[in-house]
Amino acid sequence: MNILAKEDDMLEELKKIRTLLEPKPAPAAPPAPKGLWAEFMDFISKYKVLGLAVGFIMGLYLGNLVQALVKDFLLPAIGLAIPGMKDMATYAVTVMSQVFGVGDFLVALITFIIVAFVVFLIVKIAKKWGME
């Protein structure tokens, strides 16, 4: 009888182990948010729209900054090195008969800094609201 009791105990333990090892059903999907604002916030957080927008805006203005740098500073420097390549820029500082345009570059630089700061504030507020 002692052997039968041990076998029953072993069977009970094996049943408990089997129950623990069975895969649990997948949890149900969370309910869809209700209301336009909730759906909008879900869309932004699910598809990382904010990160995409930040990357796009920063890339756009960084591109303008690089274009102004090339047009207003690098091309006139090349014009100094290569004879016959005069007046590559339209605005302002003349050095050894070569025009260095400063205005467009400064406008692009200041615009980039302002846009970067505004985007930084938007991202900071979004993180405070729990969006990432």
N, C-alpha and C. Protein backbone atom coordinates (compact mmCIF):
# COMPACT_ATOMS: atom_id res chain seq x y z
N MET A 1 0.81 -1.18 0.00
CA MET A 1 0.00 0.00 0.00
C MET A 1 0.86 1.26 0.00
N ASN A 2 1.98 1.18 0.60
CA ASN A 2 2.90 2.30 0.66
C ASN A 2 3.42 2.63 -0.75
N ILE A 3 3.63 1.63 -1.55
CA ILE A 3 4.11 1.83 -2.91
C ILE A 3 3.03 2.50 -3.75
N LEU A 4 1.77 2.11 -3.59
CA LEU A 4 0.67 2.71 -4.33
C LEU A 4 0.50 4.19 -3.96
N ALA A 5 0.68 4.51 -2.72
CA ALA A 5 0.56 5.91 -2.28
C ALA A 5 1.66 6.75 -2.90
N LYS A 6 2.87 6.20 -2.99
CA LYS A 6 3.98 6.93 -3.61
C LYS A 6 3.72 7.15 -5.10
N GLU A 7 3.17 6.13 -5.75
CA GLU A 7 2.86 6.25 -7.17
C GLU A 7 1.78 7.31 -7.40
N ASP A 8 0.77 7.33 -6.53
CA ASP A 8 -0.28 8.35 -6.65
C ASP A 8 0.29 9.76 -6.45
N ASP A 9 1.19 9.89 -5.49
CA ASP A 9 1.82 11.19 -5.26
C ASP A 9 2.65 11.62 -6.48
N MET A 10 3.35 10.66 -7.05
CA MET A 10 4.15 10.97 -8.23
C MET A 10 3.26 11.38 -9.41
N LEU A 11 2.14 10.68 -9.58
CA LEU A 11 1.22 11.03 -10.65
C LEU A 11 0.64 12.43 -10.44
N GLU A 12 0.30 12.76 -9.21
CA GLU A 12 -0.22 14.09 -8.91
C GLU A 12 0.83 15.16 -9.22
N GLU A 13 2.07 14.92 -8.85
CA GLU A 13 3.15 15.87 -9.14
C GLU A 13 3.36 16.03 -10.64
N LEU A 14 3.32 14.89 -11.36
CA LEU A 14 3.47 14.97 -12.81
C LEU A 14 2.32 15.74 -13.45
N LYS A 15 1.11 15.59 -12.94
CA LYS A 15 -0.03 16.35 -13.46
C LYS A 15 0.16 17.84 -13.20
N LYS A 16 0.67 18.20 -12.01
CA LYS A 16 0.94 19.61 -11.70
C LYS A 16 2.01 20.17 -12.65
N ILE A 17 3.04 19.40 -12.90
CA ILE A 17 4.12 19.84 -13.80
C ILE A 17 3.57 20.02 -15.21
N ARG A 18 2.75 19.07 -15.66
CA ARG A 18 2.16 19.16 -16.99
C ARG A 18 1.29 20.42 -17.11
N THR A 19 0.52 20.70 -16.07
CA THR A 19 -0.32 21.89 -16.08
C THR A 19 0.52 23.16 -16.16
N LEU A 20 1.63 23.17 -15.43
CA LEU A 20 2.51 24.34 -15.46
C LEU A 20 3.21 24.51 -16.81
N LEU A 21 3.49 23.41 -17.48
CA LEU A 21 4.20 23.47 -18.75
C LEU A 21 3.31 23.75 -19.95
N GLU A 22 1.99 23.63 -19.80
CA GLU A 22 1.09 23.90 -20.92
C GLU A 22 1.16 25.37 -21.28
N PRO A 23 1.20 25.66 -22.59
CA PRO A 23 1.26 27.08 -22.99
C PRO A 23 -0.03 27.80 -22.60
N LYS A 24 0.16 29.00 -22.13
CA LYS A 24 -0.99 29.80 -21.74
C LYS A 24 -1.57 30.46 -22.98
N PRO A 25 -2.86 30.68 -23.01
CA PRO A 25 -3.45 31.35 -24.18
C PRO A 25 -2.94 32.79 -24.28
N ALA A 26 -2.82 33.25 -25.51
CA ALA A 26 -2.32 34.61 -25.74
C ALA A 26 -3.32 35.61 -25.16
N PRO A 27 -2.80 36.67 -24.56
CA PRO A 27 -3.72 37.67 -24.01
C PRO A 27 -4.49 38.36 -25.13
N ALA A 28 -5.68 38.74 -24.82
CA ALA A 28 -6.52 39.42 -25.80
C ALA A 28 -5.92 40.78 -26.12
N ALA A 29 -6.10 41.22 -27.35
CA ALA A 29 -5.58 42.53 -27.77
C ALA A 29 -6.28 43.62 -26.96
N PRO A 30 -5.53 44.67 -26.61
CA PRO A 30 -6.18 45.73 -25.86
C PRO A 30 -7.28 46.38 -26.69
N PRO A 31 -8.30 46.84 -26.05
CA PRO A 31 -9.39 47.44 -26.81
C PRO A 31 -8.92 48.69 -27.54
N ALA A 32 -9.51 48.91 -28.68
CA ALA A 32 -9.15 50.09 -29.48
C ALA A 32 -9.54 51.35 -28.72
N PRO A 33 -8.69 52.37 -28.79
CA PRO A 33 -9.02 53.60 -28.07
C PRO A 33 -10.27 54.25 -28.65
N LYS A 34 -11.01 54.90 -27.78
CA LYS A 34 -12.24 55.55 -28.23
C LYS A 34 -12.04 57.05 -28.23
N GLY A 35 -12.57 57.68 -29.22
CA GLY A 35 -12.46 59.13 -29.32
C GLY A 35 -11.35 59.51 -30.29
N LEU A 36 -11.53 60.63 -30.92
CA LEU A 36 -10.58 61.09 -31.93
C LEU A 36 -9.21 61.36 -31.34
N TRP A 37 -9.16 62.01 -30.19
CA TRP A 37 -7.87 62.34 -29.56
C TRP A 37 -7.13 61.07 -29.15
N ALA A 38 -7.83 60.11 -28.57
CA ALA A 38 -7.20 58.86 -28.16
C ALA A 38 -6.68 58.08 -29.36
N GLU A 39 -7.45 58.06 -30.44
CA GLU A 39 -6.99 57.38 -31.65
C GLU A 39 -5.76 58.07 -32.23
N PHE A 40 -5.76 59.40 -32.20
CA PHE A 40 -4.62 60.16 -32.71
C PHE A 40 -3.37 59.86 -31.89
N MET A 41 -3.48 59.86 -30.57
CA MET A 41 -2.34 59.57 -29.69
C MET A 41 -1.85 58.13 -29.91
N ASP A 42 -2.77 57.20 -30.10
CA ASP A 42 -2.40 55.82 -30.37
C ASP A 42 -1.65 55.72 -31.70
N PHE A 43 -2.12 56.42 -32.71
CA PHE A 43 -1.47 56.44 -34.02
C PHE A 43 -0.04 56.97 -33.91
N ILE A 44 0.13 58.08 -33.19
CA ILE A 44 1.46 58.67 -33.05
C ILE A 44 2.40 57.73 -32.32
N SER A 45 1.93 57.12 -31.24
CA SER A 45 2.83 56.26 -30.46
C SER A 45 3.09 54.92 -31.17
N LYS A 46 2.11 54.40 -31.85
CA LYS A 46 2.27 53.09 -32.50
C LYS A 46 3.21 53.17 -33.70
N TYR A 47 3.09 54.18 -34.50
CA TYR A 47 3.85 54.26 -35.74
C TYR A 47 5.06 55.18 -35.66
N LYS A 48 5.38 55.66 -34.47
CA LYS A 48 6.57 56.50 -34.25
C LYS A 48 6.58 57.70 -35.20
N VAL A 49 5.42 58.30 -35.38
CA VAL A 49 5.28 59.42 -36.30
C VAL A 49 6.09 60.62 -35.84
N LEU A 50 6.15 60.82 -34.53
CA LEU A 50 6.88 61.98 -34.02
C LEU A 50 8.35 61.89 -34.38
N GLY A 51 8.96 60.73 -34.22
CA GLY A 51 10.37 60.56 -34.59
C GLY A 51 10.60 60.78 -36.07
N LEU A 52 9.68 60.29 -36.88
CA LEU A 52 9.80 60.48 -38.31
C LEU A 52 9.70 61.96 -38.68
N ALA A 53 8.76 62.66 -38.05
CA ALA A 53 8.60 64.09 -38.34
C ALA A 53 9.83 64.88 -37.91
N VAL A 54 10.36 64.55 -36.74
CA VAL A 54 11.56 65.24 -36.26
C VAL A 54 12.72 65.02 -37.22
N GLY A 55 12.92 63.78 -37.64
CA GLY A 55 14.00 63.48 -38.58
C GLY A 55 13.82 64.21 -39.90
N PHE A 56 12.61 64.27 -40.39
CA PHE A 56 12.33 64.95 -41.66
C PHE A 56 12.61 66.44 -41.55
N ILE A 57 12.08 67.07 -40.51
CA ILE A 57 12.26 68.52 -40.35
C ILE A 57 13.73 68.87 -40.16
N MET A 58 14.41 68.14 -39.30
CA MET A 58 15.82 68.44 -39.07
C MET A 58 16.64 68.20 -40.33
N GLY A 59 16.34 67.17 -41.07
CA GLY A 59 17.05 66.90 -42.32
C GLY A 59 16.82 67.98 -43.35
N LEU A 60 15.59 68.47 -43.42
CA LEU A 60 15.27 69.53 -44.38
C LEU A 60 16.08 70.79 -44.10
N TYR A 61 16.09 71.22 -42.85
CA TYR A 61 16.80 72.45 -42.53
C TYR A 61 18.31 72.25 -42.49
N LEU A 62 18.76 71.07 -42.13
CA LEU A 62 20.19 70.80 -42.20
C LEU A 62 20.66 70.82 -43.65
N GLY A 63 19.83 70.33 -44.56
CA GLY A 63 20.14 70.38 -45.98
C GLY A 63 20.25 71.82 -46.46
N ASN A 64 19.34 72.68 -46.00
CA ASN A 64 19.43 74.10 -46.37
C ASN A 64 20.71 74.72 -45.83
N LEU A 65 21.08 74.35 -44.63
CA LEU A 65 22.30 74.89 -44.03
C LEU A 65 23.53 74.46 -44.82
N VAL A 66 23.60 73.20 -45.19
CA VAL A 66 24.74 72.71 -45.96
C VAL A 66 24.77 73.37 -47.35
N GLN A 67 23.60 73.54 -47.95
CA GLN A 67 23.54 74.19 -49.26
C GLN A 67 24.05 75.63 -49.17
N ALA A 68 23.66 76.35 -48.13
CA ALA A 68 24.13 77.73 -47.97
C ALA A 68 25.64 77.75 -47.71
N LEU A 69 26.13 76.79 -46.94
CA LEU A 69 27.57 76.71 -46.67
C LEU A 69 28.35 76.51 -47.98
N VAL A 70 27.89 75.61 -48.80
CA VAL A 70 28.57 75.33 -50.06
C VAL A 70 28.48 76.53 -50.99
N LYS A 71 27.28 77.09 -51.13
CA LYS A 71 27.07 78.19 -52.07
C LYS A 71 27.80 79.46 -51.64
N ASP A 72 27.77 79.75 -50.33
CA ASP A 72 28.27 81.05 -49.87
C ASP A 72 29.72 81.04 -49.39
N PHE A 73 30.27 79.87 -49.08
CA PHE A 73 31.63 79.85 -48.58
C PHE A 73 32.57 78.96 -49.41
N LEU A 74 32.14 77.76 -49.72
CA LEU A 74 33.05 76.85 -50.43
C LEU A 74 33.25 77.22 -51.89
N LEU A 75 32.18 77.54 -52.60
CA LEU A 75 32.34 77.91 -54.01
C LEU A 75 33.18 79.18 -54.19
N PRO A 76 33.01 80.22 -53.37
CA PRO A 76 33.92 81.36 -53.51
C PRO A 76 35.38 81.00 -53.21
N ALA A 77 35.60 80.10 -52.26
CA ALA A 77 36.97 79.67 -51.98
C ALA A 77 37.55 78.94 -53.19
N ILE A 78 36.75 78.13 -53.82
CA ILE A 78 37.19 77.45 -55.05
C ILE A 78 37.43 78.49 -56.14
N GLY A 79 36.59 79.54 -56.19
CA GLY A 79 36.76 80.61 -57.16
C GLY A 79 38.08 81.36 -56.97
N LEU A 80 38.56 81.43 -55.73
CA LEU A 80 39.87 82.04 -55.48
C LEU A 80 40.99 81.18 -56.06
N ALA A 81 40.83 79.89 -55.97
CA ALA A 81 41.88 78.97 -56.42
C ALA A 81 41.89 78.81 -57.94
N ILE A 82 40.74 78.93 -58.58
CA ILE A 82 40.65 78.72 -60.03
C ILE A 82 40.41 80.07 -60.71
N PRO A 83 41.36 80.54 -61.50
CA PRO A 83 41.18 81.83 -62.18
C PRO A 83 40.02 81.78 -63.17
N GLY A 84 39.31 82.90 -63.29
CA GLY A 84 38.20 82.98 -64.23
C GLY A 84 36.87 82.58 -63.64
N MET A 85 36.82 82.06 -62.43
CA MET A 85 35.57 81.67 -61.78
C MET A 85 35.21 82.77 -60.78
N LYS A 86 34.64 83.87 -61.30
CA LYS A 86 34.29 85.00 -60.44
C LYS A 86 32.79 85.01 -60.18
N ASP A 87 32.45 85.73 -59.14
CA ASP A 87 31.06 86.02 -58.80
C ASP A 87 30.20 84.77 -58.67
N MET A 88 30.67 83.82 -57.85
CA MET A 88 29.90 82.59 -57.61
C MET A 88 28.80 82.80 -56.58
N ALA A 89 28.89 83.84 -55.82
CA ALA A 89 27.84 84.13 -54.84
C ALA A 89 27.36 85.56 -55.09
N THR A 90 26.18 85.85 -54.65
CA THR A 90 25.60 87.15 -54.98
C THR A 90 25.73 88.17 -53.87
N TYR A 91 25.86 87.74 -52.61
CA TYR A 91 25.87 88.71 -51.53
C TYR A 91 27.22 88.73 -50.86
N ALA A 92 27.80 89.51 -50.52
CA ALA A 92 28.46 90.44 -49.70
C ALA A 92 29.90 90.63 -49.51
N VAL A 93 30.68 89.89 -48.91
CA VAL A 93 32.06 90.24 -48.57
C VAL A 93 32.98 89.93 -49.75
N THR A 94 33.79 90.92 -50.13
CA THR A 94 34.72 90.73 -51.24
C THR A 94 36.13 90.63 -50.69
N VAL A 95 36.81 89.54 -51.02
CA VAL A 95 38.20 89.33 -50.62
C VAL A 95 38.98 89.01 -51.88
N MET A 96 39.96 89.83 -52.18
CA MET A 96 40.80 89.61 -53.37
C MET A 96 39.95 89.39 -54.61
N SER A 97 38.97 90.23 -54.81
CA SER A 97 38.05 90.23 -55.95
C SER A 97 37.12 89.01 -55.99
N GLN A 98 37.06 88.23 -54.94
CA GLN A 98 36.13 87.09 -54.88
C GLN A 98 35.04 87.42 -53.85
N VAL A 99 33.79 87.22 -54.20
CA VAL A 99 32.67 87.58 -53.33
C VAL A 99 32.32 86.39 -52.43
N PHE A 100 32.30 86.63 -51.14
CA PHE A 100 31.86 85.63 -50.18
C PHE A 100 30.49 86.04 -49.67
N GLY A 101 29.47 85.25 -49.98
CA GLY A 101 28.12 85.57 -49.53
C GLY A 101 27.93 85.11 -48.11
N VAL A 102 27.67 86.04 -47.24
CA VAL A 102 27.51 85.73 -45.83
C VAL A 102 26.04 85.71 -45.44
N GLY A 103 25.24 86.53 -46.09
CA GLY A 103 23.84 86.70 -45.71
C GLY A 103 23.03 85.42 -45.74
N ASP A 104 23.06 84.69 -46.86
CA ASP A 104 22.27 83.46 -46.97
C ASP A 104 22.69 82.43 -45.93
N PHE A 105 23.99 82.32 -45.71
CA PHE A 105 24.47 81.34 -44.75
C PHE A 105 24.00 81.68 -43.35
N LEU A 106 24.09 82.94 -42.97
CA LEU A 106 23.65 83.33 -41.63
C LEU A 106 22.15 83.12 -41.45
N VAL A 107 21.37 83.43 -42.47
CA VAL A 107 19.92 83.20 -42.40
C VAL A 107 19.64 81.71 -42.23
N ALA A 108 20.33 80.87 -43.02
CA ALA A 108 20.12 79.42 -42.92
C ALA A 108 20.56 78.91 -41.55
N LEU A 109 21.67 79.42 -41.02
CA LEU A 109 22.16 78.98 -39.71
C LEU A 109 21.19 79.37 -38.60
N ILE A 110 20.73 80.61 -38.61
CA ILE A 110 19.79 81.06 -37.57
C ILE A 110 18.47 80.31 -37.68
N THR A 111 17.99 80.10 -38.90
CA THR A 111 16.75 79.34 -39.09
C THR A 111 16.90 77.92 -38.58
N PHE A 112 18.03 77.29 -38.88
CA PHE A 112 18.25 75.93 -38.40
C PHE A 112 18.26 75.87 -36.88
N ILE A 113 18.92 76.80 -36.23
CA ILE A 113 18.99 76.81 -34.77
C ILE A 113 17.60 77.00 -34.16
N ILE A 114 16.82 77.92 -34.73
CA ILE A 114 15.47 78.15 -34.21
C ILE A 114 14.60 76.92 -34.40
N VAL A 115 14.64 76.33 -35.59
CA VAL A 115 13.83 75.13 -35.87
C VAL A 115 14.26 73.98 -34.97
N ALA A 116 15.56 73.79 -34.79
CA ALA A 116 16.04 72.72 -33.92
C ALA A 116 15.55 72.92 -32.49
N PHE A 117 15.54 74.16 -32.00
CA PHE A 117 15.06 74.43 -30.65
C PHE A 117 13.56 74.16 -30.53
N VAL A 118 12.79 74.57 -31.53
CA VAL A 118 11.34 74.32 -31.50
C VAL A 118 11.05 72.82 -31.54
N VAL A 119 11.76 72.09 -32.39
CA VAL A 119 11.57 70.64 -32.46
C VAL A 119 11.96 69.99 -31.13
N PHE A 120 13.04 70.49 -30.52
CA PHE A 120 13.45 69.99 -29.20
C PHE A 120 12.33 70.19 -28.18
N LEU A 121 11.71 71.35 -28.18
CA LEU A 121 10.61 71.61 -27.25
C LEU A 121 9.42 70.70 -27.51
N ILE A 122 9.11 70.47 -28.78
CA ILE A 122 8.00 69.58 -29.13
C ILE A 122 8.28 68.17 -28.63
N VAL A 123 9.50 67.69 -28.83
CA VAL A 123 9.86 66.34 -28.38
C VAL A 123 9.81 66.26 -26.86
N LYS A 124 10.27 67.29 -26.20
CA LYS A 124 10.27 67.31 -24.73
C LYS A 124 8.83 67.25 -24.20
N ILE A 125 7.93 68.02 -24.79
CA ILE A 125 6.52 68.00 -24.38
C ILE A 125 5.91 66.64 -24.68
N ALA A 126 6.23 66.07 -25.84
CA ALA A 126 5.69 64.77 -26.21
C ALA A 126 6.15 63.69 -25.22
N LYS A 127 7.40 63.75 -24.80
CA LYS A 127 7.88 62.77 -23.82
C LYS A 127 7.16 62.95 -22.49
N LYS A 128 6.90 64.19 -22.13
CA LYS A 128 6.18 64.46 -20.88
C LYS A 128 4.77 63.88 -20.93
N TRP A 129 4.16 63.88 -22.11
CA TRP A 129 2.84 63.32 -22.29
C TRP A 129 2.86 61.79 -22.45
N GLY A 130 4.05 61.21 -22.51
CA GLY A 130 4.17 59.76 -22.61
C GLY A 130 4.29 59.24 -24.04
N MET A 131 4.46 60.11 -25.00
CA MET A 131 4.65 59.68 -26.40
C MET A 131 6.14 59.59 -26.65
N GLU A 132 6.53 58.58 -27.40
CA GLU A 132 7.94 58.45 -27.78
C GLU A 132 8.03 57.96 -29.19
